[in-house]
Each structure stands twice: as structure tokens, then as C-alpha cells.
Amino acid sequence: REDVYSYEYEDGPGPDAQNLAFDLKHGSSTPWNAKILDILLEKLQTRSMEEKWPFPRLDGYYKAILEDRYKRLQTGWRAAQPKITAKGILETGAEVEERLIAKRDGNLKSIRQTTRRRSKEDEDDDLPAWQWLQKLIKTLGDDGMSSEESDIENDVECVLRVKNMTWRRGIERELSVIDNQRVLDDDIF
């Protein structure tokens, strides 16, 4: 583009802050793209001050995020450019779209397979712990559970005191795991 060339090699005005457009053919360190990243950084800083974001960050932190986002944008843009087909001609728009959809579907299939494999491994790893917790709950029975939710009878409140025995193992963490899982997966309880 002429405006990119005039900014980098002549005395052009630079990117329009109201209509930013990266030069995706080149990296983020070119003068044009660096200027756009600086403009975006200034806007991000202004917004964080106006909205009073709870965690102030250094400029380098935001700059790294912006550069990473630029690289992702550039990668997507490059993938969407027409390629030379096996016949030696440039892809049409429909062929580019078909190629990108096929690639996305392949990536999604791979992600699903990996997720299923990891889920299976996690289930196998968790099984002994859940069996132990189930045995613990059955061993404790109804009398082993907390009675803090019992009703107050005849307007007399019964106060129970827990006696911690030295031989008794603390299982609060294990019981909280069960309670949390019950909240997350209430359909299995």
C-alpha cells in the first residue's frame, strides 16, 4: 500500500487512529505495524485508567499481548491467502474457503480425540480416590455426618460440640471435594 510505503520511506502521515489497518505481509516490528501497536497500547492504557481496572500492568505486559494477537492475526490472514493448486493455478475464493473449513474440521476432530483420551485417563486416575471416598461415606453412615442442619425442636436449640480425638484423621478436605462435586454434577447424586 502506498500509505505504508510513504510512512516508512518518506514523510507520510502514518496510520489513521480511527481506521487502523495492519500491514500483514510484514512482521510486527516494521515502523507501520509498530506505530499501530503503540496506538493500541495507548488506547488500552486510557481504557484501563477510565474503567479503573483492578490490576495495573506494565506497558511491556500489554505490548507482549498485542504482539501475540498480531501474530495470530497474521497467521490467520496468511492461511486465508490463495495457494497454488496441483494444476498450477491460483485457488478461487470458494477453494480457499473449502480448504480452511477442512483444516478447521481436522483440528476440531483432533481436539475432540485428545479431550476424550485425556478424560479417559483422568477417569482412570480418579477412580481409586472416589472408591475410597465412597467407602468412607458408607463407613461414617448417617451418624457420622454433621448434624448442624438438624431442626430446632420446641424452641430449644441443641448445641453440639465436636471432640477432636488424636486418633481421628482430619477429612474436611476430602468431604469438601464430595460437596463441591455434588454441586457441579448434581445429576449424578
C-alpha atoms as a PDB file:
ATOM      1  CA  ARG A   1       0.000   0.000   0.000  1.00  0.00           C
ATOM      2  CA  GLU A   2       1.124   3.487  -0.754  1.00  0.00           C
ATOM      3  CA  ASP A   3       0.429   4.905   2.712  1.00  0.00           C
ATOM      4  CA  VAL A   4       2.620   2.227   4.339  1.00  0.00           C
ATOM      5  CA  TYR A   5       5.458   2.927   1.892  1.00  0.00           C
ATOM      6  CA  SER A   6       5.174   6.713   2.319  1.00  0.00           C
ATOM      7  CA  TYR A   7       5.249   6.372   6.125  1.00  0.00           C
ATOM      8  CA  GLU A   8       8.224   4.005   6.188  1.00  0.00           C
ATOM      9  CA  TYR A   9      10.392   5.522   3.434  1.00  0.00           C
ATOM     10  CA  GLU A  10       9.173   9.070   3.009  1.00  0.00           C
ATOM     11  CA  ASP A  11       7.493  11.567   5.280  1.00  0.00           C
ATOM     12  CA  GLY A  12       3.935  10.151   5.231  1.00  0.00           C
ATOM     13  CA  PRO A  13       1.343  10.776   7.953  1.00  0.00           C
ATOM     14  CA  GLY A  14       1.249   7.225   9.325  1.00  0.00           C
ATOM     15  CA  PRO A  15      -1.687   5.069  10.363  1.00  0.00           C
ATOM     16  CA  ASP A  16      -5.101   6.666  10.875  1.00  0.00           C
ATOM     17  CA  ALA A  17      -6.051   6.114  14.523  1.00  0.00           C
ATOM     18  CA  GLN A  18      -9.734   5.911  13.568  1.00  0.00           C
ATOM     19  CA  ASN A  19      -9.191   3.324  10.812  1.00  0.00           C
ATOM     20  CA  LEU A  20      -6.248   1.113  11.785  1.00  0.00           C
ATOM     21  CA  ALA A  21      -5.058  -1.398   9.193  1.00  0.00           C
ATOM     22  CA  PHE A  22      -2.017  -3.608   9.753  1.00  0.00           C
ATOM     23  CA  ASP A  23       0.474  -4.420   7.014  1.00  0.00           C
ATOM     24  CA  LEU A  24       0.035  -8.181   7.379  1.00  0.00           C
ATOM     25  CA  LYS A  25       2.674  -9.014   4.771  1.00  0.00           C
ATOM     26  CA  HIS A  26       5.343  -7.992   7.269  1.00  0.00           C
ATOM     27  CA  GLY A  27       6.084  -8.574  10.947  1.00  0.00           C
ATOM     28  CA  SER A  28       5.023  -6.537  13.934  1.00  0.00           C
ATOM     29  CA  SER A  29       8.350  -4.706  14.162  1.00  0.00           C
ATOM     30  CA  THR A  30       8.025  -2.716  10.927  1.00  0.00           C
ATOM     31  CA  PRO A  31       7.568   1.039  11.541  1.00  0.00           C
ATOM     32  CA  TRP A  32       3.939   0.962  10.321  1.00  0.00           C
ATOM     33  CA  ASN A  33       2.880  -2.010  12.441  1.00  0.00           C
ATOM     34  CA  ALA A  34       4.902  -0.811  15.449  1.00  0.00           C
ATOM     35  CA  LYS A  35       3.084   2.528  15.274  1.00  0.00           C
ATOM     36  CA  ILE A  36      -0.300   0.760  15.184  1.00  0.00           C
ATOM     37  CA  LEU A  37       0.690  -1.342  18.185  1.00  0.00           C
ATOM     38  CA  ASP A  38       1.719   1.853  20.012  1.00  0.00           C
ATOM     39  CA  ILE A  39      -1.658   3.436  19.205  1.00  0.00           C
ATOM     40  CA  LEU A  40      -3.461   0.331  20.504  1.00  0.00           C
ATOM     41  CA  LEU A  41      -1.284   0.347  23.634  1.00  0.00           C
ATOM     42  CA  GLU A  42      -2.211   3.985  24.313  1.00  0.00           C
ATOM     43  CA  LYS A  43      -5.912   3.166  23.863  1.00  0.00           C
ATOM     44  CA  LEU A  44      -5.570   0.197  26.209  1.00  0.00           C
ATOM     45  CA  GLN A  45      -3.840   2.333  28.855  1.00  0.00           C
ATOM     46  CA  THR A  46      -6.513   5.030  28.556  1.00  0.00           C
ATOM     47  CA  ARG A  47      -9.280   2.469  28.891  1.00  0.00           C
ATOM     48  CA  SER A  48      -7.665   0.854  31.937  1.00  0.00           C
ATOM     49  CA  MET A  49      -7.463   4.264  33.637  1.00  0.00           C
ATOM     50  CA  GLU A  50     -11.025   5.271  32.717  1.00  0.00           C
ATOM     51  CA  GLU A  51     -12.523   1.954  33.827  1.00  0.00           C
ATOM     52  CA  LYS A  52     -10.222   1.719  36.874  1.00  0.00           C
ATOM     53  CA  TRP A  53      -9.079  -1.839  36.192  1.00  0.00           C
ATOM     54  CA  PRO A  54      -8.191  -3.550  39.490  1.00  0.00           C
ATOM     55  CA  PHE A  55      -4.764  -4.813  38.425  1.00  0.00           C
ATOM     56  CA  PRO A  56      -2.475  -2.234  36.846  1.00  0.00           C
ATOM     57  CA  ARG A  57       0.004  -3.765  34.414  1.00  0.00           C
ATOM     58  CA  LEU A  58       3.244  -2.554  32.927  1.00  0.00           C
ATOM     59  CA  ASP A  59       3.412  -1.439  29.294  1.00  0.00           C
ATOM     60  CA  GLY A  60       5.593  -4.427  28.440  1.00  0.00           C
ATOM     61  CA  TYR A  61       2.848  -6.799  29.558  1.00  0.00           C
ATOM     62  CA  TYR A  62       0.245  -5.207  27.297  1.00  0.00           C
ATOM     63  CA  LYS A  63       2.746  -4.870  24.455  1.00  0.00           C
ATOM     64  CA  ALA A  64       3.505  -8.615  24.576  1.00  0.00           C
ATOM     65  CA  ILE A  65      -0.221  -9.416  24.434  1.00  0.00           C
ATOM     66  CA  LEU A  66      -0.755  -7.072  21.493  1.00  0.00           C
ATOM     67  CA  GLU A  67       2.213  -8.556  19.592  1.00  0.00           C
ATOM     68  CA  ASP A  68       0.909 -12.069  20.229  1.00  0.00           C
ATOM     69  CA  ARG A  69      -2.516 -11.080  18.936  1.00  0.00           C
ATOM     70  CA  TYR A  70      -0.877  -9.562  15.851  1.00  0.00           C
ATOM     71  CA  LYS A  71       0.987 -12.819  15.170  1.00  0.00           C
ATOM     72  CA  ARG A  72      -2.280 -14.769  15.440  1.00  0.00           C
ATOM     73  CA  LEU A  73      -3.988 -12.344  13.070  1.00  0.00           C
ATOM     74  CA  GLN A  74      -1.109 -12.597  10.625  1.00  0.00           C
ATOM     75  CA  THR A  75      -1.146 -16.406  10.766  1.00  0.00           C
ATOM     76  CA  GLY A  76      -4.885 -16.477  10.038  1.00  0.00           C
ATOM     77  CA  TRP A  77      -4.501 -13.966   7.226  1.00  0.00           C
ATOM     78  CA  ARG A  78      -1.669 -15.947   5.630  1.00  0.00           C
ATOM     79  CA  ALA A  79      -3.677 -19.170   5.841  1.00  0.00           C
ATOM     80  CA  ALA A  80      -6.562 -17.426   4.064  1.00  0.00           C
ATOM     81  CA  GLN A  81      -4.405 -16.335   1.119  1.00  0.00           C
ATOM     82  CA  PRO A  82      -4.977 -18.280  -2.138  1.00  0.00           C
ATOM     83  CA  LYS A  83      -2.430 -21.059  -2.723  1.00  0.00           C
ATOM     84  CA  ILE A  84      -1.244 -22.644  -5.953  1.00  0.00           C
ATOM     85  CA  THR A  85      -3.265 -25.777  -6.707  1.00  0.00           C
ATOM     86  CA  ALA A  86      -1.891 -29.071  -8.024  1.00  0.00           C
ATOM     87  CA  LYS A  87      -2.836 -27.888 -11.524  1.00  0.00           C
ATOM     88  CA  GLY A  88      -0.573 -24.852 -11.117  1.00  0.00           C
ATOM     89  CA  ILE A  89      -3.308 -22.246 -10.907  1.00  0.00           C
ATOM     90  CA  LEU A  90      -4.315 -19.957  -8.044  1.00  0.00           C
ATOM     91  CA  GLU A  91      -7.175 -21.090  -5.797  1.00  0.00           C
ATOM     92  CA  THR A  92     -10.545 -19.418  -6.149  1.00  0.00           C
ATOM     93  CA  GLY A  93     -12.330 -17.891  -3.172  1.00  0.00           C
ATOM     94  CA  ALA A  94     -14.549 -20.989  -2.858  1.00  0.00           C
ATOM     95  CA  GLU A  95     -11.494 -23.293  -2.888  1.00  0.00           C
ATOM     96  CA  VAL A  96      -9.796 -21.216  -0.192  1.00  0.00           C
ATOM     97  CA  GLU A  97     -12.929 -21.403   1.932  1.00  0.00           C
ATOM     98  CA  GLU A  98     -13.196 -25.165   1.406  1.00  0.00           C
ATOM     99  CA  ARG A  99      -9.530 -25.645   2.383  1.00  0.00           C
ATOM    100  CA  LEU A 100      -9.923 -23.550   5.542  1.00  0.00           C
ATOM    101  CA  ILE A 101     -13.094 -25.384   6.582  1.00  0.00           C
ATOM    102  CA  ALA A 102     -11.419 -28.761   6.025  1.00  0.00           C
ATOM    103  CA  LYS A 103      -8.424 -27.661   8.102  1.00  0.00           C
ATOM    104  CA  ARG A 104     -10.668 -26.362  10.909  1.00  0.00           C
ATOM    105  CA  ASP A 105     -12.688 -29.595  10.907  1.00  0.00           C
ATOM    106  CA  GLY A 106      -9.461 -31.624  11.108  1.00  0.00           C
ATOM    107  CA  ASN A 107      -8.237 -29.523  14.031  1.00  0.00           C
ATOM    108  CA  LEU A 108     -11.557 -29.879  15.854  1.00  0.00           C
ATOM    109  CA  LYS A 109     -11.534 -33.645  15.324  1.00  0.00           C
ATOM    110  CA  SER A 110      -8.016 -33.858  16.734  1.00  0.00           C
ATOM    111  CA  ILE A 111      -9.026 -31.745  19.750  1.00  0.00           C
ATOM    112  CA  ARG A 112     -12.057 -33.962  20.418  1.00  0.00           C
ATOM    113  CA  GLN A 113      -9.913 -37.099  20.259  1.00  0.00           C
ATOM    114  CA  THR A 114      -7.320 -35.617  22.607  1.00  0.00           C
ATOM    115  CA  THR A 115     -10.032 -34.491  25.034  1.00  0.00           C
ATOM    116  CA  ARG A 116     -11.645 -37.937  25.065  1.00  0.00           C
ATOM    117  CA  ARG A 117      -8.274 -39.591  25.627  1.00  0.00           C
ATOM    118  CA  ARG A 118      -7.426 -37.226  28.495  1.00  0.00           C
ATOM    119  CA  SER A 119     -10.883 -37.645  30.017  1.00  0.00           C
ATOM    120  CA  LYS A 120     -10.476 -41.418  29.959  1.00  0.00           C
ATOM    121  CA  GLU A 121      -7.050 -41.144  31.601  1.00  0.00           C
ATOM    122  CA  ASP A 122      -8.418 -38.758  34.247  1.00  0.00           C
ATOM    123  CA  GLU A 123     -11.319 -41.083  34.985  1.00  0.00           C
ATOM    124  CA  ASP A 124      -8.919 -43.986  35.447  1.00  0.00           C
ATOM    125  CA  ASP A 125      -6.698 -41.904  37.752  1.00  0.00           C
ATOM    126  CA  ASP A 126      -9.622 -40.669  39.864  1.00  0.00           C
ATOM    127  CA  LEU A 127     -11.389 -43.991  40.289  1.00  0.00           C
ATOM    128  CA  PRO A 128      -9.436 -45.260  43.349  1.00  0.00           C
ATOM    129  CA  ALA A 129      -9.882 -41.917  45.126  1.00  0.00           C
ATOM    130  CA  TRP A 130     -13.629 -41.896  44.505  1.00  0.00           C
ATOM    131  CA  GLN A 131     -13.914 -45.530  45.622  1.00  0.00           C
ATOM    132  CA  TRP A 132     -12.106 -44.649  48.850  1.00  0.00           C
ATOM    133  CA  LEU A 133     -14.367 -41.639  49.423  1.00  0.00           C
ATOM    134  CA  GLN A 134     -17.460 -43.760  48.808  1.00  0.00           C
ATOM    135  CA  LYS A 135     -16.240 -46.343  51.326  1.00  0.00           C
ATOM    136  CA  LEU A 136     -15.535 -43.547  53.835  1.00  0.00           C
ATOM    137  CA  ILE A 137     -19.042 -42.110  53.499  1.00  0.00           C
ATOM    138  CA  LYS A 138     -20.625 -45.551  53.875  1.00  0.00           C
ATOM    139  CA  THR A 139     -18.465 -46.253  56.923  1.00  0.00           C
ATOM    140  CA  LEU A 140     -19.425 -42.950  58.548  1.00  0.00           C
ATOM    141  CA  GLY A 141     -23.107 -43.515  57.804  1.00  0.00           C
ATOM    142  CA  ASP A 142     -25.827 -41.120  58.916  1.00  0.00           C
ATOM    143  CA  ASP A 143     -24.406 -40.797  62.422  1.00  0.00           C
ATOM    144  CA  GLY A 144     -21.003 -39.804  61.088  1.00  0.00           C
ATOM    145  CA  MET A 145     -22.318 -36.799  59.263  1.00  0.00           C
ATOM    146  CA  SER A 146     -22.615 -33.313  60.682  1.00  0.00           C
ATOM    147  CA  SER A 147     -25.845 -32.554  62.483  1.00  0.00           C
ATOM    148  CA  GLU A 148     -25.584 -28.796  62.031  1.00  0.00           C
ATOM    149  CA  GLU A 149     -28.555 -28.830  59.675  1.00  0.00           C
ATOM    150  CA  SER A 150     -30.896 -30.572  62.131  1.00  0.00           C
ATOM    151  CA  ASP A 151     -34.095 -28.824  63.069  1.00  0.00           C
ATOM    152  CA  ILE A 152     -34.560 -26.941  66.315  1.00  0.00           C
ATOM    153  CA  GLU A 153     -37.219 -28.742  68.331  1.00  0.00           C
ATOM    154  CA  ASN A 154     -39.573 -26.996  70.787  1.00  0.00           C
ATOM    155  CA  ASP A 155     -37.678 -23.705  70.506  1.00  0.00           C
ATOM    156  CA  VAL A 156     -34.754 -25.309  72.313  1.00  0.00           C
ATOM    157  CA  GLU A 157     -31.512 -25.116  70.448  1.00  0.00           C
ATOM    158  CA  CYS A 158     -29.178 -28.010  70.983  1.00  0.00           C
ATOM    159  CA  VAL A 159     -25.508 -27.084  70.751  1.00  0.00           C
ATOM    160  CA  LEU A 160     -23.213 -29.929  69.811  1.00  0.00           C
ATOM    161  CA  ARG A 161     -19.507 -29.787  70.498  1.00  0.00           C
ATOM    162  CA  VAL A 162     -17.037 -31.665  68.353  1.00  0.00           C
ATOM    163  CA  LYS A 163     -14.420 -33.526  70.287  1.00  0.00           C
ATOM    164  CA  ASN A 164     -11.246 -33.901  68.289  1.00  0.00           C
ATOM    165  CA  MET A 165      -9.673 -37.220  69.091  1.00  0.00           C
ATOM    166  CA  THR A 166      -5.958 -37.623  68.451  1.00  0.00           C
ATOM    167  CA  TRP A 167      -6.544 -40.846  66.540  1.00  0.00           C
ATOM    168  CA  ARG A 168      -9.130 -39.273  64.233  1.00  0.00           C
ATOM    169  CA  ARG A 169      -7.821 -38.226  60.857  1.00  0.00           C
ATOM    170  CA  GLY A 170      -8.909 -34.809  59.547  1.00  0.00           C
ATOM    171  CA  ILE A 171     -11.065 -35.406  56.484  1.00  0.00           C
ATOM    172  CA  GLU A 172     -12.541 -31.964  55.979  1.00  0.00           C
ATOM    173  CA  ARG A 173     -10.730 -31.543  52.662  1.00  0.00           C
ATOM    174  CA  GLU A 174     -11.974 -34.887  51.334  1.00  0.00           C
ATOM    175  CA  LEU A 175     -15.549 -34.168  52.366  1.00  0.00           C
ATOM    176  CA  SER A 176     -15.403 -30.730  50.758  1.00  0.00           C
ATOM    177  CA  VAL A 177     -14.339 -32.432  47.489  1.00  0.00           C
ATOM    178  CA  ILE A 178     -17.503 -34.502  47.636  1.00  0.00           C
ATOM    179  CA  ASP A 179     -19.655 -31.459  48.444  1.00  0.00           C
ATOM    180  CA  ASN A 180     -18.109 -29.448  45.587  1.00  0.00           C
ATOM    181  CA  GLN A 181     -18.558 -32.308  43.129  1.00  0.00           C
ATOM    182  CA  ARG A 182     -22.178 -32.672  44.241  1.00  0.00           C
ATOM    183  CA  VAL A 183     -22.755 -29.011  43.379  1.00  0.00           C
ATOM    184  CA  LEU A 184     -21.025 -29.327  39.993  1.00  0.00           C
ATOM    185  CA  ASP A 185     -22.582 -32.638  38.953  1.00  0.00           C
ATOM    186  CA  ASP A 186     -25.905 -32.699  40.764  1.00  0.00           C
ATOM    187  CA  ASP A 187     -27.326 -35.046  38.128  1.00  0.00           C
ATOM    188  CA  ILE A 188     -25.215 -37.991  39.365  1.00  0.00           C
ATOM    189  CA  PHE A 189     -26.228 -37.698  43.034  1.00  0.00           C
END
